[in-house]
Amino acid sequence: MLNELFSDFIDAAEDDLRVMEESRYFGFKSANSACFHAQQYAEKMIKARLIQMGFKIERTHNLTFLLESFDDTPDIERARVYCEILTRYEAKARYPMDGLVRFSPEEAEEAYEMAKEIPYLIGLFDASDRTISSRSPKRGLFSILRRR
């Protein structure tokens, strides 16, 4: 059951990554959507890692809150900085009643780059060979995608 849930989060994150990459290919003309999907990608990767670590998943979109279960390391501190930025894209990129903000293509590029780093910073991906960490039940899922 947990392996299936883990896989579901990875698969859903992969969809968000694909949307970000397509948007990037077209110059982030839909920058708000790209920013939203960057936040979603990071959220799903963090939740997958929490499942892998044996934690119960909280129903929240606040990435910084989700990182509270991680030990303090320099990588986690960097992830926290990124997650503070990415969390604002969850609502502000989508909903007028939450203070819709128009993000620029440059901000979308920054969100894309930060989101892609999250799996490495939290220990889900092994940075040396660009695969899911050996502690994972699905080793190698992103190896082809990440070698570009």
C-alpha atoms as a PDB file:
ATOM      1  CA  MET A   1       0.000   0.000   0.000  1.00  0.00           C
ATOM      2  CA  LEU A   2       2.740   2.486   0.925  1.00  0.00           C
ATOM      3  CA  ASN A   3       4.781   1.577  -2.158  1.00  0.00           C
ATOM      4  CA  GLU A   4       1.691   2.215  -4.276  1.00  0.00           C
ATOM      5  CA  LEU A   5       1.059   5.578  -2.606  1.00  0.00           C
ATOM      6  CA  PHE A   6       4.727   6.465  -3.023  1.00  0.00           C
ATOM      7  CA  SER A   7       4.514   5.557  -6.726  1.00  0.00           C
ATOM      8  CA  ASP A   8       1.316   7.559  -7.149  1.00  0.00           C
ATOM      9  CA  PHE A   9       2.993  10.678  -5.760  1.00  0.00           C
ATOM     10  CA  ILE A  10       6.033  10.190  -8.018  1.00  0.00           C
ATOM     11  CA  ASP A  11       3.804   9.666 -11.067  1.00  0.00           C
ATOM     12  CA  ALA A  12       1.723  12.750 -10.268  1.00  0.00           C
ATOM     13  CA  ALA A  13       4.892  14.801  -9.771  1.00  0.00           C
ATOM     14  CA  GLU A  14       6.194  13.574 -13.107  1.00  0.00           C
ATOM     15  CA  ASP A  15       3.039  14.997 -14.733  1.00  0.00           C
ATOM     16  CA  ASP A  16       3.721  18.375 -13.118  1.00  0.00           C
ATOM     17  CA  LEU A  17       7.325  18.249 -14.323  1.00  0.00           C
ATOM     18  CA  ARG A  18       6.144  17.545 -17.869  1.00  0.00           C
ATOM     19  CA  VAL A  19       3.799  20.558 -17.759  1.00  0.00           C
ATOM     20  CA  MET A  20       6.650  22.768 -16.507  1.00  0.00           C
ATOM     21  CA  GLU A  21       8.987  21.516 -19.230  1.00  0.00           C
ATOM     22  CA  GLU A  22       6.392  22.105 -21.943  1.00  0.00           C
ATOM     23  CA  SER A  23       5.786  25.605 -20.620  1.00  0.00           C
ATOM     24  CA  ARG A  24       9.517  26.235 -20.552  1.00  0.00           C
ATOM     25  CA  TYR A  25       9.843  25.072 -24.144  1.00  0.00           C
ATOM     26  CA  PHE A  26       7.332  27.757 -25.138  1.00  0.00           C
ATOM     27  CA  GLY A  27       9.056  30.500 -23.137  1.00  0.00           C
ATOM     28  CA  PHE A  28       6.811  30.315 -20.072  1.00  0.00           C
ATOM     29  CA  LYS A  29       3.969  32.132 -21.852  1.00  0.00           C
ATOM     30  CA  SER A  30       1.721  30.754 -19.099  1.00  0.00           C
ATOM     31  CA  ALA A  31       4.082  31.684 -16.280  1.00  0.00           C
ATOM     32  CA  ASN A  32       1.436  31.415 -13.569  1.00  0.00           C
ATOM     33  CA  SER A  33       0.586  27.851 -14.531  1.00  0.00           C
ATOM     34  CA  ALA A  34       4.271  26.938 -14.628  1.00  0.00           C
ATOM     35  CA  CYS A  35       4.784  28.428 -11.150  1.00  0.00           C
ATOM     36  CA  PHE A  36       1.776  26.529  -9.821  1.00  0.00           C
ATOM     37  CA  HIS A  37       3.081  23.249 -11.273  1.00  0.00           C
ATOM     38  CA  ALA A  38       6.529  23.942  -9.791  1.00  0.00           C
ATOM     39  CA  GLN A  39       4.913  24.171  -6.362  1.00  0.00           C
ATOM     40  CA  GLN A  40       2.887  21.030  -7.022  1.00  0.00           C
ATOM     41  CA  TYR A  41       5.955  19.106  -8.199  1.00  0.00           C
ATOM     42  CA  ALA A  42       7.875  20.047  -5.055  1.00  0.00           C
ATOM     43  CA  GLU A  43       4.899  19.213  -2.825  1.00  0.00           C
ATOM     44  CA  LYS A  44       4.432  15.767  -4.341  1.00  0.00           C
ATOM     45  CA  MET A  45       8.142  14.990  -4.167  1.00  0.00           C
ATOM     46  CA  ILE A  46       8.282  16.010  -0.506  1.00  0.00           C
ATOM     47  CA  LYS A  47       5.212  13.906   0.266  1.00  0.00           C
ATOM     48  CA  ALA A  48       6.734  10.929  -1.578  1.00  0.00           C
ATOM     49  CA  ARG A  49       9.883  11.265   0.504  1.00  0.00           C
ATOM     50  CA  LEU A  50       7.852  11.499   3.714  1.00  0.00           C
ATOM     51  CA  ILE A  51       6.025   8.291   2.756  1.00  0.00           C
ATOM     52  CA  GLN A  52       9.376   6.663   2.028  1.00  0.00           C
ATOM     53  CA  MET A  53      10.573   7.740   5.487  1.00  0.00           C
ATOM     54  CA  GLY A  54       7.453   6.264   7.138  1.00  0.00           C
ATOM     55  CA  PHE A  55       5.640   9.498   8.014  1.00  0.00           C
ATOM     56  CA  LYS A  56       1.920  10.136   7.757  1.00  0.00           C
ATOM     57  CA  ILE A  57       1.127  12.706   5.075  1.00  0.00           C
ATOM     58  CA  GLU A  58      -0.553  15.930   6.200  1.00  0.00           C
ATOM     59  CA  ARG A  59      -3.188  17.559   4.005  1.00  0.00           C
ATOM     60  CA  THR A  60      -1.423  20.834   3.361  1.00  0.00           C
ATOM     61  CA  HIS A  61       0.106  22.737   0.485  1.00  0.00           C
ATOM     62  CA  ASN A  62       2.561  24.536   2.769  1.00  0.00           C
ATOM     63  CA  LEU A  63       5.918  23.134   1.724  1.00  0.00           C
ATOM     64  CA  THR A  64       7.787  24.635   4.648  1.00  0.00           C
ATOM     65  CA  PHE A  65       5.428  22.873   7.054  1.00  0.00           C
ATOM     66  CA  LEU A  66       6.025  19.578   5.246  1.00  0.00           C
ATOM     67  CA  LEU A  67       9.777  19.985   5.709  1.00  0.00           C
ATOM     68  CA  GLU A  68       9.426  20.107   9.512  1.00  0.00           C
ATOM     69  CA  SER A  69       9.822  16.309   9.611  1.00  0.00           C
ATOM     70  CA  PHE A  70      13.319  16.478   8.112  1.00  0.00           C
ATOM     71  CA  ASP A  71      16.537  16.725  10.124  1.00  0.00           C
ATOM     72  CA  ASP A  72      18.382  20.008   9.813  1.00  0.00           C
ATOM     73  CA  THR A  73      21.130  19.741   7.228  1.00  0.00           C
ATOM     74  CA  PRO A  74      22.571  22.348   4.848  1.00  0.00           C
ATOM     75  CA  ASP A  75      20.523  20.790   2.023  1.00  0.00           C
ATOM     76  CA  ILE A  76      17.309  20.920   4.049  1.00  0.00           C
ATOM     77  CA  GLU A  77      18.006  24.556   4.940  1.00  0.00           C
ATOM     78  CA  ARG A  78      18.347  25.338   1.231  1.00  0.00           C
ATOM     79  CA  ALA A  79      15.168  23.363   0.545  1.00  0.00           C
ATOM     80  CA  ARG A  80      13.364  25.489   3.166  1.00  0.00           C
ATOM     81  CA  VAL A  81      14.408  28.686   1.402  1.00  0.00           C
ATOM     82  CA  TYR A  82      13.165  27.308  -1.917  1.00  0.00           C
ATOM     83  CA  CYS A  83       9.950  26.037  -0.352  1.00  0.00           C
ATOM     84  CA  GLU A  84       9.139  29.409   1.194  1.00  0.00           C
ATOM     85  CA  ILE A  85       9.225  30.851  -2.313  1.00  0.00           C
ATOM     86  CA  LEU A  86       7.450  27.946  -4.019  1.00  0.00           C
ATOM     87  CA  THR A  87       4.630  27.845  -1.455  1.00  0.00           C
ATOM     88  CA  ARG A  88       3.412  31.273  -2.546  1.00  0.00           C
ATOM     89  CA  TYR A  89       2.767  29.915  -6.038  1.00  0.00           C
ATOM     90  CA  GLU A  90       0.117  27.453  -4.821  1.00  0.00           C
ATOM     91  CA  ALA A  91      -2.679  30.009  -4.458  1.00  0.00           C
ATOM     92  CA  LYS A  92      -1.309  33.310  -5.713  1.00  0.00           C
ATOM     93  CA  ALA A  93      -0.699  31.867  -9.177  1.00  0.00           C
ATOM     94  CA  ARG A  94      -4.229  30.489  -9.472  1.00  0.00           C
ATOM     95  CA  TYR A  95      -6.954  32.210  -7.497  1.00  0.00           C
ATOM     96  CA  PRO A  96      -8.086  35.845  -7.757  1.00  0.00           C
ATOM     97  CA  MET A  97      -9.643  35.734  -4.274  1.00  0.00           C
ATOM     98  CA  ASP A  98      -6.239  34.797  -2.827  1.00  0.00           C
ATOM     99  CA  GLY A  99      -4.576  37.866  -4.312  1.00  0.00           C
ATOM    100  CA  LEU A 100      -3.741  36.638  -7.822  1.00  0.00           C
ATOM    101  CA  VAL A 101      -0.296  37.792  -8.860  1.00  0.00           C
ATOM    102  CA  ARG A 102       0.989  37.744 -12.430  1.00  0.00           C
ATOM    103  CA  PHE A 103       4.355  36.044 -12.439  1.00  0.00           C
ATOM    104  CA  SER A 104       6.952  36.702 -15.117  1.00  0.00           C
ATOM    105  CA  PRO A 105       8.684  34.147 -17.331  1.00  0.00           C
ATOM    106  CA  GLU A 106      11.846  34.828 -15.312  1.00  0.00           C
ATOM    107  CA  GLU A 107      10.026  33.938 -12.086  1.00  0.00           C
ATOM    108  CA  ALA A 108       8.678  30.803 -13.753  1.00  0.00           C
ATOM    109  CA  GLU A 109      12.209  29.801 -14.759  1.00  0.00           C
ATOM    110  CA  GLU A 110      13.389  30.351 -11.194  1.00  0.00           C
ATOM    111  CA  ALA A 111      10.452  28.295  -9.832  1.00  0.00           C
ATOM    112  CA  TYR A 112      11.218  25.520 -12.324  1.00  0.00           C
ATOM    113  CA  GLU A 113      14.891  25.383 -11.300  1.00  0.00           C
ATOM    114  CA  MET A 114      14.115  25.447  -7.567  1.00  0.00           C
ATOM    115  CA  ALA A 115      11.439  22.751  -7.864  1.00  0.00           C
ATOM    116  CA  LYS A 116      13.782  20.453  -9.791  1.00  0.00           C
ATOM    117  CA  GLU A 117      16.331  20.694  -6.962  1.00  0.00           C
ATOM    118  CA  ILE A 118      13.917  19.708  -4.191  1.00  0.00           C
ATOM    119  CA  PRO A 119      14.112  15.897  -4.672  1.00  0.00           C
ATOM    120  CA  TYR A 120      17.913  16.062  -4.399  1.00  0.00           C
ATOM    121  CA  LEU A 121      17.908  18.355  -1.381  1.00  0.00           C
ATOM    122  CA  ILE A 122      15.521  16.131   0.581  1.00  0.00           C
ATOM    123  CA  GLY A 123      17.365  12.914  -0.269  1.00  0.00           C
ATOM    124  CA  LEU A 124      14.755  11.409  -2.601  1.00  0.00           C
ATOM    125  CA  PHE A 125      17.100  11.462  -5.594  1.00  0.00           C
ATOM    126  CA  ASP A 126      20.748  10.511  -5.498  1.00  0.00           C
ATOM    127  CA  ALA A 127      22.581  13.492  -6.953  1.00  0.00           C
ATOM    128  CA  SER A 128      25.560  11.419  -8.090  1.00  0.00           C
ATOM    129  CA  ASP A 129      23.659   9.253 -10.561  1.00  0.00           C
ATOM    130  CA  ARG A 130      20.373  11.149 -10.977  1.00  0.00           C
ATOM    131  CA  THR A 131      18.153   8.267  -9.873  1.00  0.00           C
ATOM    132  CA  ILE A 132      15.795   7.846  -6.985  1.00  0.00           C
ATOM    133  CA  SER A 133      17.796   7.114  -3.854  1.00  0.00           C
ATOM    134  CA  SER A 134      18.547   3.459  -3.145  1.00  0.00           C
ATOM    135  CA  ARG A 135      16.329   3.775  -0.070  1.00  0.00           C
ATOM    136  CA  SER A 136      13.423   4.026  -2.487  1.00  0.00           C
ATOM    137  CA  PRO A 137      11.169   1.270  -3.759  1.00  0.00           C
ATOM    138  CA  LYS A 138      11.317   2.629  -7.352  1.00  0.00           C
ATOM    139  CA  ARG A 139      14.998   3.089  -8.109  1.00  0.00           C
ATOM    140  CA  GLY A 140      15.743   4.643 -11.479  1.00  0.00           C
ATOM    141  CA  LEU A 141      12.329   6.065 -12.379  1.00  0.00           C
ATOM    142  CA  PHE A 142      13.697   9.450 -13.405  1.00  0.00           C
ATOM    143  CA  SER A 143      17.089   8.369 -14.705  1.00  0.00           C
ATOM    144  CA  ILE A 144      16.241   8.852 -18.389  1.00  0.00           C
ATOM    145  CA  LEU A 145      14.383  12.105 -17.820  1.00  0.00           C
ATOM    146  CA  ARG A 146      17.125  13.577 -15.635  1.00  0.00           C
ATOM    147  CA  ARG A 147      20.062  12.812 -17.992  1.00  0.00           C
ATOM    148  CA  ARG A 148      19.100  15.455 -20.530  1.00  0.00           C
END
